[in-house]
Amino acid sequence: MSADSLLFLLKVLALSAAGAIAVKYGAPMGAIAPVGSVALAIVLLPSVVLGLLLAWRSKQATR
């Protein structure tokens, strides 16, 4: 494994740990109602945003 791959893996691990800590300790501070529509939005929003970004980049690359 090259140094670049190892550095990338460590960055992903660190960001994942930071996200987990933010969810564990930051979530109780937020006043989000526990309803199905909010859960659905939280689950689908990252995929929709990523899809839009990839579509935009694809359109920019074809110009």
N, C-alpha and C. Protein backbone atom coordinates (compact mmCIF):
# COMPACT_ATOMS: atom_id res chain seq x y z
N MET A 1 0.85 -1.17 0.00
CA MET A 1 0.00 0.00 0.00
C MET A 1 0.90 1.23 0.00
N SER A 2 0.62 2.15 -0.91
CA SER A 2 1.46 3.34 -1.02
C SER A 2 1.11 4.33 0.09
N ALA A 3 1.98 5.32 0.25
CA ALA A 3 1.78 6.33 1.29
C ALA A 3 0.54 7.16 0.99
N ASP A 4 0.27 7.43 -0.29
CA ASP A 4 -0.91 8.21 -0.65
C ASP A 4 -2.19 7.46 -0.29
N SER A 5 -2.22 6.17 -0.54
CA SER A 5 -3.39 5.37 -0.21
C SER A 5 -3.61 5.31 1.29
N LEU A 6 -2.53 5.16 2.02
CA LEU A 6 -2.63 5.11 3.47
C LEU A 6 -3.11 6.45 4.03
N LEU A 7 -2.61 7.54 3.49
CA LEU A 7 -3.04 8.87 3.93
C LEU A 7 -4.52 9.07 3.64
N PHE A 8 -4.96 8.67 2.46
CA PHE A 8 -6.38 8.78 2.11
C PHE A 8 -7.23 7.96 3.06
N LEU A 9 -6.80 6.73 3.36
CA LEU A 9 -7.53 5.87 4.28
C LEU A 9 -7.62 6.48 5.67
N LEU A 10 -6.55 7.08 6.14
CA LEU A 10 -6.55 7.73 7.45
C LEU A 10 -7.48 8.94 7.47
N LYS A 11 -7.52 9.70 6.37
CA LYS A 11 -8.43 10.84 6.29
C LYS A 11 -9.88 10.39 6.34
N VAL A 12 -10.20 9.33 5.59
CA VAL A 12 -11.57 8.82 5.60
C VAL A 12 -11.94 8.31 6.99
N LEU A 13 -11.02 7.63 7.65
CA LEU A 13 -11.26 7.12 9.00
C LEU A 13 -11.48 8.26 9.97
N ALA A 14 -10.67 9.31 9.87
CA ALA A 14 -10.81 10.46 10.77
C ALA A 14 -12.14 11.18 10.55
N LEU A 15 -12.52 11.38 9.29
CA LEU A 15 -13.80 12.04 9.00
C LEU A 15 -14.98 11.19 9.46
N SER A 16 -14.86 9.89 9.31
CA SER A 16 -15.91 9.00 9.77
C SER A 16 -16.05 9.06 11.29
N ALA A 17 -14.94 9.05 11.98
CA ALA A 17 -14.97 9.15 13.44
C ALA A 17 -15.55 10.48 13.88
N ALA A 18 -15.17 11.57 13.20
CA ALA A 18 -15.70 12.89 13.55
C ALA A 18 -17.21 12.93 13.32
N GLY A 19 -17.66 12.33 12.22
CA GLY A 19 -19.10 12.28 11.96
C GLY A 19 -19.85 11.48 13.00
N ALA A 20 -19.27 10.36 13.41
CA ALA A 20 -19.92 9.53 14.43
C ALA A 20 -20.00 10.26 15.77
N ILE A 21 -18.95 10.97 16.12
CA ILE A 21 -18.95 11.74 17.37
C ILE A 21 -19.97 12.87 17.30
N ALA A 22 -20.04 13.53 16.13
CA ALA A 22 -21.01 14.61 15.96
C ALA A 22 -22.44 14.10 16.09
N VAL A 23 -22.70 12.93 15.54
CA VAL A 23 -24.05 12.36 15.64
C VAL A 23 -24.34 11.94 17.06
N LYS A 24 -23.38 11.32 17.72
CA LYS A 24 -23.61 10.81 19.07
C LYS A 24 -23.84 11.92 20.08
N TYR A 25 -23.01 12.97 20.03
CA TYR A 25 -23.10 14.02 21.04
C TYR A 25 -23.85 15.25 20.57
N GLY A 26 -23.95 15.46 19.27
CA GLY A 26 -24.63 16.64 18.76
C GLY A 26 -26.10 16.43 18.49
N ALA A 27 -26.49 15.20 18.20
CA ALA A 27 -27.88 14.92 17.86
C ALA A 27 -28.86 15.23 18.99
N PRO A 28 -28.53 14.91 20.24
CA PRO A 28 -29.49 15.25 21.30
C PRO A 28 -29.73 16.76 21.46
N MET A 29 -28.81 17.58 20.99
CA MET A 29 -28.99 19.03 21.08
C MET A 29 -29.99 19.55 20.06
N GLY A 30 -30.12 18.84 18.95
CA GLY A 30 -31.04 19.26 17.90
C GLY A 30 -32.46 18.89 18.23
N ALA A 31 -33.39 19.72 17.83
CA ALA A 31 -34.81 19.46 18.10
C ALA A 31 -35.47 18.99 16.81
N ILE A 32 -35.14 17.77 16.38
CA ILE A 32 -35.72 17.21 15.18
C ILE A 32 -36.82 16.24 15.59
N ALA A 33 -37.99 16.46 15.03
CA ALA A 33 -39.13 15.61 15.36
C ALA A 33 -38.91 14.20 14.80
N PRO A 34 -39.17 13.18 15.60
CA PRO A 34 -38.96 11.80 15.15
C PRO A 34 -40.12 11.30 14.28
N VAL A 35 -40.20 11.82 13.06
CA VAL A 35 -41.26 11.39 12.14
C VAL A 35 -40.62 10.76 10.91
N GLY A 36 -41.39 9.99 10.19
CA GLY A 36 -40.88 9.26 9.05
C GLY A 36 -40.36 10.15 7.93
N SER A 37 -41.01 11.28 7.70
CA SER A 37 -40.58 12.14 6.60
C SER A 37 -39.20 12.74 6.86
N VAL A 38 -38.90 13.06 8.09
CA VAL A 38 -37.57 13.59 8.43
C VAL A 38 -36.52 12.51 8.25
N ALA A 39 -36.82 11.31 8.69
CA ALA A 39 -35.87 10.20 8.53
C ALA A 39 -35.62 9.91 7.06
N LEU A 40 -36.67 9.94 6.26
CA LEU A 40 -36.52 9.70 4.83
C LEU A 40 -35.67 10.78 4.17
N ALA A 41 -35.89 12.02 4.56
CA ALA A 41 -35.09 13.12 4.02
C ALA A 41 -33.62 12.99 4.40
N ILE A 42 -33.36 12.62 5.64
CA ILE A 42 -31.98 12.47 6.10
C ILE A 42 -31.28 11.33 5.36
N VAL A 43 -31.99 10.26 5.08
CA VAL A 43 -31.40 9.12 4.39
C VAL A 43 -31.18 9.40 2.91
N LEU A 44 -32.13 10.06 2.26
CA LEU A 44 -32.06 10.25 0.81
C LEU A 44 -31.29 11.49 0.38
N LEU A 45 -31.18 12.50 1.24
CA LEU A 45 -30.56 13.76 0.85
C LEU A 45 -29.11 13.61 0.37
N PRO A 46 -28.24 12.86 1.05
CA PRO A 46 -26.87 12.73 0.54
C PRO A 46 -26.80 12.11 -0.85
N SER A 47 -27.62 11.11 -1.12
CA SER A 47 -27.61 10.47 -2.44
C SER A 47 -28.12 11.42 -3.51
N VAL A 48 -29.14 12.18 -3.21
CA VAL A 48 -29.69 13.14 -4.17
C VAL A 48 -28.67 14.23 -4.46
N VAL A 49 -28.03 14.76 -3.43
CA VAL A 49 -27.04 15.82 -3.62
C VAL A 49 -25.86 15.30 -4.44
N LEU A 50 -25.39 14.11 -4.13
CA LEU A 50 -24.28 13.53 -4.88
C LEU A 50 -24.66 13.28 -6.33
N GLY A 51 -25.86 12.79 -6.56
CA GLY A 51 -26.34 12.59 -7.92
C GLY A 51 -26.40 13.88 -8.71
N LEU A 52 -26.88 14.95 -8.08
CA LEU A 52 -26.94 16.24 -8.74
C LEU A 52 -25.54 16.78 -9.05
N LEU A 53 -24.62 16.62 -8.10
CA LEU A 53 -23.26 17.08 -8.34
C LEU A 53 -22.59 16.31 -9.47
N LEU A 54 -22.79 15.00 -9.51
CA LEU A 54 -22.20 14.20 -10.58
C LEU A 54 -22.82 14.53 -11.93
N ALA A 55 -24.12 14.77 -11.96
CA ALA A 55 -24.77 15.16 -13.21
C ALA A 55 -24.25 16.50 -13.69
N TRP A 56 -24.06 17.43 -12.76
CA TRP A 56 -23.54 18.75 -13.11
C TRP A 56 -22.11 18.65 -13.65
N ARG A 57 -21.28 17.84 -12.99
CA ARG A 57 -19.90 17.65 -13.46
C ARG A 57 -19.86 16.97 -14.82
N SER A 58 -20.75 16.02 -15.04
CA SER A 58 -20.81 15.34 -16.33
C SER A 58 -21.21 16.32 -17.43
N LYS A 59 -22.15 17.17 -17.13
CA LYS A 59 -22.57 18.17 -18.11
C LYS A 59 -21.47 19.16 -18.40
N GLN A 60 -20.69 19.54 -17.37
CA GLN A 60 -19.58 20.46 -17.56
C GLN A 60 -18.46 19.82 -18.37
N ALA A 61 -18.26 18.52 -18.23
CA ALA A 61 -17.18 17.82 -18.92
C ALA A 61 -17.47 17.66 -20.41
N THR A 62 -18.73 17.64 -20.79
CA THR A 62 -19.08 17.45 -22.20
C THR A 62 -18.98 18.73 -23.01
N ARG A 63 -18.81 19.85 -22.36
CA ARG A 63 -18.69 21.13 -23.09
C ARG A 63 -17.35 21.30 -23.69
